[in-house]
Each structure stands twice: as structure tokens, then as C-alpha cells.
Amino acid sequence: MNLDLLFKIAGVGILISVFHTALKQAGKEDMAHLCTLAGFTIVLFWVVQLLGQLFTTVQTVFKLF
């Protein structure tokens, strides 16, 4: 497994948590939630791409389809 992706996900999580805390302290809770949602969406796209690669690899290994 590629460790770079794990570090990217951890970095995004730390960055988003800092932004969320700062925005919440500033009284902009709606922007804090949008920031969190944006970070989650970015990470979700990365994970979906990895799952697509996994399914492609499984298909080629077992010669499905």
C-alpha cells in the first residue's frame, strides 16, 4: 500500500480540524461545517479512485469479464 496517500489523508484531516476550530472560534460555524465537508469530499474522491483501482486489479488477476 502506498504510504503517501495515508500521509495525505492525515494531513488533510489535521488541516481541516485546525480550520474548523479557527472558524468555530470566530463564530462562523456554517463556514466551519462547509470546510469540513470539503475536506471529507476530497478524501472521499481519493478513496473512491483507490477502490476503482482495486476492482480493476481484482478483475485482471482473476480474469473476470
PDB file of N, CA and C in Angstrom:
ATOM      1  N   MET A   1       0.838  -1.179   0.000  1.00  0.00           N
ATOM      2  CA  MET A   1       0.000   0.000   0.000  1.00  0.00           C
ATOM      3  C   MET A   1       0.883   1.242   0.000  1.00  0.00           C
ATOM      4  N   ASN A   2       0.405   2.255  -0.658  1.00  0.00           N
ATOM      5  CA  ASN A   2       1.160   3.490  -0.783  1.00  0.00           C
ATOM      6  C   ASN A   2       0.995   4.335   0.480  1.00  0.00           C
ATOM      7  N   LEU A   3       2.096   4.560   1.186  1.00  0.00           N
ATOM      8  CA  LEU A   3       2.033   5.330   2.425  1.00  0.00           C
ATOM      9  C   LEU A   3       1.828   6.818   2.182  1.00  0.00           C
ATOM     10  N   ASP A   4       2.156   7.283   0.990  1.00  0.00           N
ATOM     11  CA  ASP A   4       1.964   8.697   0.688  1.00  0.00           C
ATOM     12  C   ASP A   4       0.499   9.093   0.818  1.00  0.00           C
ATOM     13  N   LEU A   5      -0.381   8.217   0.386  1.00  0.00           N
ATOM     14  CA  LEU A   5      -1.808   8.525   0.465  1.00  0.00           C
ATOM     15  C   LEU A   5      -2.264   8.616   1.920  1.00  0.00           C
ATOM     16  N   LEU A   6      -1.743   7.754   2.767  1.00  0.00           N
ATOM     17  CA  LEU A   6      -2.105   7.830   4.184  1.00  0.00           C
ATOM     18  C   LEU A   6      -1.639   9.137   4.805  1.00  0.00           C
ATOM     19  N   PHE A   7      -0.443   9.580   4.441  1.00  0.00           N
ATOM     20  CA  PHE A   7       0.057  10.846   4.953  1.00  0.00           C
ATOM     21  C   PHE A   7      -0.751  12.023   4.408  1.00  0.00           C
ATOM     22  N   LYS A   8      -1.193  11.930   3.148  1.00  0.00           N
ATOM     23  CA  LYS A   8      -2.037  12.975   2.584  1.00  0.00           C
ATOM     24  C   LYS A   8      -3.362  13.060   3.334  1.00  0.00           C
ATOM     25  N   ILE A   9      -3.969  11.914   3.593  1.00  0.00           N
ATOM     26  CA  ILE A   9      -5.247  11.893   4.304  1.00  0.00           C
ATOM     27  C   ILE A   9      -5.079  12.443   5.716  1.00  0.00           C
ATOM     28  N   ALA A  10      -4.008  12.054   6.388  1.00  0.00           N
ATOM     29  CA  ALA A  10      -3.753  12.572   7.735  1.00  0.00           C
ATOM     30  C   ALA A  10      -3.507  14.075   7.700  1.00  0.00           C
ATOM     31  N   GLY A  11      -2.779  14.541   6.711  1.00  0.00           N
ATOM     32  CA  GLY A  11      -2.513  15.967   6.578  1.00  0.00           C
ATOM     33  C   GLY A  11      -3.783  16.769   6.335  1.00  0.00           C
ATOM     34  N   VAL A  12      -4.640  16.253   5.467  1.00  0.00           N
ATOM     35  CA  VAL A  12      -5.910  16.931   5.214  1.00  0.00           C
ATOM     36  C   VAL A  12      -6.754  16.937   6.483  1.00  0.00           C
ATOM     37  N   GLY A  13      -6.754  15.847   7.211  1.00  0.00           N
ATOM     38  CA  GLY A  13      -7.524  15.785   8.455  1.00  0.00           C
ATOM     39  C   GLY A  13      -7.042  16.787   9.481  1.00  0.00           C
ATOM     40  N   ILE A  14      -5.738  16.909   9.636  1.00  0.00           N
ATOM     41  CA  ILE A  14      -5.184  17.872  10.593  1.00  0.00           C
ATOM     42  C   ILE A  14      -5.483  19.299  10.144  1.00  0.00           C
ATOM     43  N   LEU A  15      -5.284  19.563   8.865  1.00  0.00           N
ATOM     44  CA  LEU A  15      -5.530  20.902   8.343  1.00  0.00           C
ATOM     45  C   LEU A  15      -6.995  21.301   8.481  1.00  0.00           C
ATOM     46  N   ILE A  16      -7.886  20.394   8.160  1.00  0.00           N
ATOM     47  CA  ILE A  16      -9.317  20.687   8.255  1.00  0.00           C
ATOM     48  C   ILE A  16      -9.734  20.876   9.709  1.00  0.00           C
ATOM     49  N   SER A  17      -9.165  20.106  10.617  1.00  0.00           N
ATOM     50  CA  SER A  17      -9.528  20.279  12.024  1.00  0.00           C
ATOM     51  C   SER A  17      -9.064  21.633  12.559  1.00  0.00           C
ATOM     52  N   VAL A  18      -7.891  22.103  12.101  1.00  0.00           N
ATOM     53  CA  VAL A  18      -7.416  23.422  12.505  1.00  0.00           C
ATOM     54  C   VAL A  18      -8.327  24.509  11.942  1.00  0.00           C
ATOM     55  N   PHE A  19      -8.677  24.393  10.654  1.00  0.00           N
ATOM     56  CA  PHE A  19      -9.584  25.366  10.048  1.00  0.00           C
ATOM     57  C   PHE A  19     -10.944  25.362  10.732  1.00  0.00           C
ATOM     58  N   HIS A  20     -11.438  24.165  11.018  1.00  0.00           N
ATOM     59  CA  HIS A  20     -12.752  24.058  11.659  1.00  0.00           C
ATOM     60  C   HIS A  20     -12.734  24.734  13.035  1.00  0.00           C
ATOM     61  N   THR A  21     -11.703  24.487  13.793  1.00  0.00           N
ATOM     62  CA  THR A  21     -11.596  25.092  15.122  1.00  0.00           C
ATOM     63  C   THR A  21     -11.475  26.612  15.036  1.00  0.00           C
ATOM     64  N   ALA A  22     -10.655  27.090  14.121  1.00  0.00           N
ATOM     65  CA  ALA A  22     -10.462  28.536  13.984  1.00  0.00           C
ATOM     66  C   ALA A  22     -11.748  29.217  13.542  1.00  0.00           C
ATOM     67  N   LEU A  23     -12.442  28.628  12.590  1.00  0.00           N
ATOM     68  CA  LEU A  23     -13.682  29.231  12.124  1.00  0.00           C
ATOM     69  C   LEU A  23     -14.773  29.176  13.187  1.00  0.00           C
ATOM     70  N   LYS A  24     -14.794  28.105  13.944  1.00  0.00           N
ATOM     71  CA  LYS A  24     -15.805  27.999  15.004  1.00  0.00           C
ATOM     72  C   LYS A  24     -15.536  29.016  16.102  1.00  0.00           C
ATOM     73  N   GLN A  25     -14.271  29.244  16.424  1.00  0.00           N
ATOM     74  CA  GLN A  25     -13.920  30.248  17.428  1.00  0.00           C
ATOM     75  C   GLN A  25     -14.286  31.656  16.954  1.00  0.00           C
ATOM     76  N   ALA A  26     -14.226  31.865  15.636  1.00  0.00           N
ATOM     77  CA  ALA A  26     -14.545  33.174  15.069  1.00  0.00           C
ATOM     78  C   ALA A  26     -16.051  33.382  14.932  1.00  0.00           C
ATOM     79  N   GLY A  27     -16.831  32.363  15.245  1.00  0.00           N
ATOM     80  CA  GLY A  27     -18.280  32.482  15.176  1.00  0.00           C
ATOM     81  C   GLY A  27     -18.866  32.173  13.814  1.00  0.00           C
ATOM     82  N   LYS A  28     -18.073  31.603  12.937  1.00  0.00           N
ATOM     83  CA  LYS A  28     -18.550  31.256  11.599  1.00  0.00           C
ATOM     84  C   LYS A  28     -18.724  29.749  11.508  1.00  0.00           C
ATOM     85  N   GLU A  29     -19.701  29.251  12.229  1.00  0.00           N
ATOM     86  CA  GLU A  29     -19.910  27.811  12.319  1.00  0.00           C
ATOM     87  C   GLU A  29     -20.365  27.212  10.997  1.00  0.00           C
ATOM     88  N   ASP A  30     -21.143  27.975  10.219  1.00  0.00           N
ATOM     89  CA  ASP A  30     -21.583  27.447   8.930  1.00  0.00           C
ATOM     90  C   ASP A  30     -20.403  27.259   7.980  1.00  0.00           C
ATOM     91  N   MET A  31     -19.449  28.192   7.992  1.00  0.00           N
ATOM     92  CA  MET A  31     -18.252  28.041   7.169  1.00  0.00           C
ATOM     93  C   MET A  31     -17.368  26.903   7.677  1.00  0.00           C
ATOM     94  N   ALA A  32     -17.359  26.695   8.990  1.00  0.00           N
ATOM     95  CA  ALA A  32     -16.578  25.598   9.562  1.00  0.00           C
ATOM     96  C   ALA A  32     -17.127  24.257   9.087  1.00  0.00           C
ATOM     97  N   HIS A  33     -18.442  24.144   9.043  1.00  0.00           N
ATOM     98  CA  HIS A  33     -19.050  22.892   8.568  1.00  0.00           C
ATOM     99  C   HIS A  33     -18.804  22.688   7.072  1.00  0.00           C
ATOM    100  N   LEU A  34     -18.853  23.763   6.310  1.00  0.00           N
ATOM    101  CA  LEU A  34     -18.564  23.652   4.879  1.00  0.00           C
ATOM    102  C   LEU A  34     -17.110  23.258   4.634  1.00  0.00           C
ATOM    103  N   CYS A  35     -16.212  23.779   5.435  1.00  0.00           N
ATOM    104  CA  CYS A  35     -14.798  23.421   5.328  1.00  0.00           C
ATOM    105  C   CYS A  35     -14.593  21.939   5.630  1.00  0.00           C
ATOM    106  N   THR A  36     -15.257  21.463   6.653  1.00  0.00           N
ATOM    107  CA  THR A  36     -15.167  20.045   6.999  1.00  0.00           C
ATOM    108  C   THR A  36     -15.741  19.177   5.894  1.00  0.00           C
ATOM    109  N   LEU A  37     -16.854  19.598   5.336  1.00  0.00           N
ATOM    110  CA  LEU A  37     -17.473  18.850   4.243  1.00  0.00           C
ATOM    111  C   LEU A  37     -16.570  18.816   3.011  1.00  0.00           C
ATOM    112  N   ALA A  38     -15.896  19.919   2.728  1.00  0.00           N
ATOM    113  CA  ALA A  38     -14.974  19.964   1.590  1.00  0.00           C
ATOM    114  C   ALA A  38     -13.797  19.008   1.795  1.00  0.00           C
ATOM    115  N   GLY A  39     -13.248  18.984   2.989  1.00  0.00           N
ATOM    116  CA  GLY A  39     -12.147  18.061   3.272  1.00  0.00           C
ATOM    117  C   GLY A  39     -12.576  16.616   3.166  1.00  0.00           C
ATOM    118  N   PHE A  40     -13.766  16.322   3.678  1.00  0.00           N
ATOM    119  CA  PHE A  40     -14.293  14.958   3.583  1.00  0.00           C
ATOM    120  C   PHE A  40     -14.498  14.557   2.130  1.00  0.00           C
ATOM    121  N   THR A  41     -14.985  15.486   1.312  1.00  0.00           N
ATOM    122  CA  THR A  41     -15.229  15.197  -0.103  1.00  0.00           C
ATOM    123  C   THR A  41     -13.924  14.910  -0.840  1.00  0.00           C
ATOM    124  N   ILE A  42     -12.891  15.676  -0.541  1.00  0.00           N
ATOM    125  CA  ILE A  42     -11.585  15.450  -1.184  1.00  0.00           C
ATOM    126  C   ILE A  42     -11.061  14.058  -0.847  1.00  0.00           C
ATOM    127  N   VAL A  43     -11.110  13.705   0.422  1.00  0.00           N
ATOM    128  CA  VAL A  43     -10.615  12.391   0.848  1.00  0.00           C
ATOM    129  C   VAL A  43     -11.487  11.281   0.262  1.00  0.00           C
ATOM    130  N   LEU A  44     -12.791  11.515   0.184  1.00  0.00           N
ATOM    131  CA  LEU A  44     -13.690  10.510  -0.388  1.00  0.00           C
ATOM    132  C   LEU A  44     -13.365  10.247  -1.853  1.00  0.00           C
ATOM    133  N   PHE A  45     -13.040  11.288  -2.617  1.00  0.00           N
ATOM    134  CA  PHE A  45     -12.654  11.094  -4.015  1.00  0.00           C
ATOM    135  C   PHE A  45     -11.393  10.250  -4.124  1.00  0.00           C
ATOM    136  N   TRP A  46     -10.414  10.499  -3.242  1.00  0.00           N
ATOM    137  CA  TRP A  46      -9.186   9.696  -3.261  1.00  0.00           C
ATOM    138  C   TRP A  46      -9.495   8.227  -2.983  1.00  0.00           C
ATOM    139  N   VAL A  47     -10.354   7.977  -2.008  1.00  0.00           N
ATOM    140  CA  VAL A  47     -10.670   6.602  -1.632  1.00  0.00           C
ATOM    141  C   VAL A  47     -11.448   5.905  -2.747  1.00  0.00           C
ATOM    142  N   VAL A  48     -12.359   6.622  -3.392  1.00  0.00           N
ATOM    143  CA  VAL A  48     -13.141   6.027  -4.491  1.00  0.00           C
ATOM    144  C   VAL A  48     -12.217   5.660  -5.651  1.00  0.00           C
ATOM    145  N   GLN A  49     -11.240   6.514  -5.946  1.00  0.00           N
ATOM    146  CA  GLN A  49     -10.284   6.190  -7.002  1.00  0.00           C
ATOM    147  C   GLN A  49      -9.482   4.939  -6.653  1.00  0.00           C
ATOM    148  N   LEU A  50      -9.088   4.816  -5.395  1.00  0.00           N
ATOM    149  CA  LEU A  50      -8.348   3.623  -4.972  1.00  0.00           C
ATOM    150  C   LEU A  50      -9.211   2.371  -5.069  1.00  0.00           C
ATOM    151  N   LEU A  51     -10.483   2.492  -4.716  1.00  0.00           N
ATOM    152  CA  LEU A  51     -11.374   1.339  -4.834  1.00  0.00           C
ATOM    153  C   LEU A  51     -11.554   0.937  -6.289  1.00  0.00           C
ATOM    154  N   GLY A  52     -11.614   1.901  -7.186  1.00  0.00           N
ATOM    155  CA  GLY A  52     -11.683   1.596  -8.615  1.00  0.00           C
ATOM    156  C   GLY A  52     -10.454   0.847  -9.086  1.00  0.00           C
ATOM    157  N   GLN A  53      -9.282   1.278  -8.618  1.00  0.00           N
ATOM    158  CA  GLN A  53      -8.053   0.569  -8.968  1.00  0.00           C
ATOM    159  C   GLN A  53      -8.044  -0.837  -8.392  1.00  0.00           C
ATOM    160  N   LEU A  54      -8.566  -0.990  -7.175  1.00  0.00           N
ATOM    161  CA  LEU A  54      -8.622  -2.314  -6.551  1.00  0.00           C
ATOM    162  C   LEU A  54      -9.501  -3.251  -7.356  1.00  0.00           C
ATOM    163  N   PHE A  55     -10.689  -2.796  -7.765  1.00  0.00           N
ATOM    164  CA  PHE A  55     -11.579  -3.644  -8.539  1.00  0.00           C
ATOM    165  C   PHE A  55     -10.985  -3.997  -9.900  1.00  0.00           C
ATOM    166  N   THR A  56     -10.291  -3.056 -10.516  1.00  0.00           N
ATOM    167  CA  THR A  56      -9.627  -3.339 -11.786  1.00  0.00           C
ATOM    168  C   THR A  56      -8.540  -4.386 -11.608  1.00  0.00           C
ATOM    169  N   THR A  57      -7.778  -4.287 -10.547  1.00  0.00           N
ATOM    170  CA  THR A  57      -6.724  -5.255 -10.274  1.00  0.00           C
ATOM    171  C   THR A  57      -7.305  -6.635 -10.002  1.00  0.00           C
ATOM    172  N   VAL A  58      -8.388  -6.703  -9.241  1.00  0.00           N
ATOM    173  CA  VAL A  58      -9.024  -7.992  -8.959  1.00  0.00           C
ATOM    174  C   VAL A  58      -9.555  -8.614 -10.246  1.00  0.00           C
ATOM    175  N   GLN A  59     -10.130  -7.794 -11.117  1.00  0.00           N
ATOM    176  CA  GLN A  59     -10.628  -8.313 -12.391  1.00  0.00           C
ATOM    177  C   GLN A  59      -9.506  -8.881 -13.239  1.00  0.00           C
ATOM    178  N   THR A  60      -8.373  -8.196 -13.290  1.00  0.00           N
ATOM    179  CA  THR A  60      -7.263  -8.684 -14.109  1.00  0.00           C
ATOM    180  C   THR A  60      -6.617  -9.915 -13.498  1.00  0.00           C
ATOM    181  N   VAL A  61      -6.542  -9.985 -12.178  1.00  0.00           N
ATOM    182  CA  VAL A  61      -5.908 -11.127 -11.541  1.00  0.00           C
ATOM    183  C   VAL A  61      -6.740 -12.389 -11.759  1.00  0.00           C
ATOM    184  N   PHE A  62      -8.040 -12.279 -11.572  1.00  0.00           N
ATOM    185  CA  PHE A  62      -8.899 -13.441 -11.702  1.00  0.00           C
ATOM    186  C   PHE A  62      -9.527 -13.593 -13.070  1.00  0.00           C
ATOM    187  N   LYS A  63      -9.135 -12.695 -13.988  1.00  0.00           N
ATOM    188  CA  LYS A  63      -9.606 -12.712 -15.368  1.00  0.00           C
ATOM    189  C   LYS A  63     -11.129 -12.735 -15.440  1.00  0.00           C
ATOM    190  N   LEU A  64     -11.747 -11.852 -14.671  1.00  0.00           N
ATOM    191  CA  LEU A  64     -13.192 -11.688 -14.712  1.00  0.00           C
ATOM    192  C   LEU A  64     -13.539 -10.724 -15.834  1.00  0.00           C
ATOM    193  N   PHE A  65     -14.550 -11.021 -16.593  1.00  0.00           N
ATOM    194  CA  PHE A  65     -15.021 -10.207 -17.722  1.00  0.00           C
ATOM    195  C   PHE A  65     -13.970 -10.151 -18.771  1.00  0.00           C
TER     196      PHE A  65
END
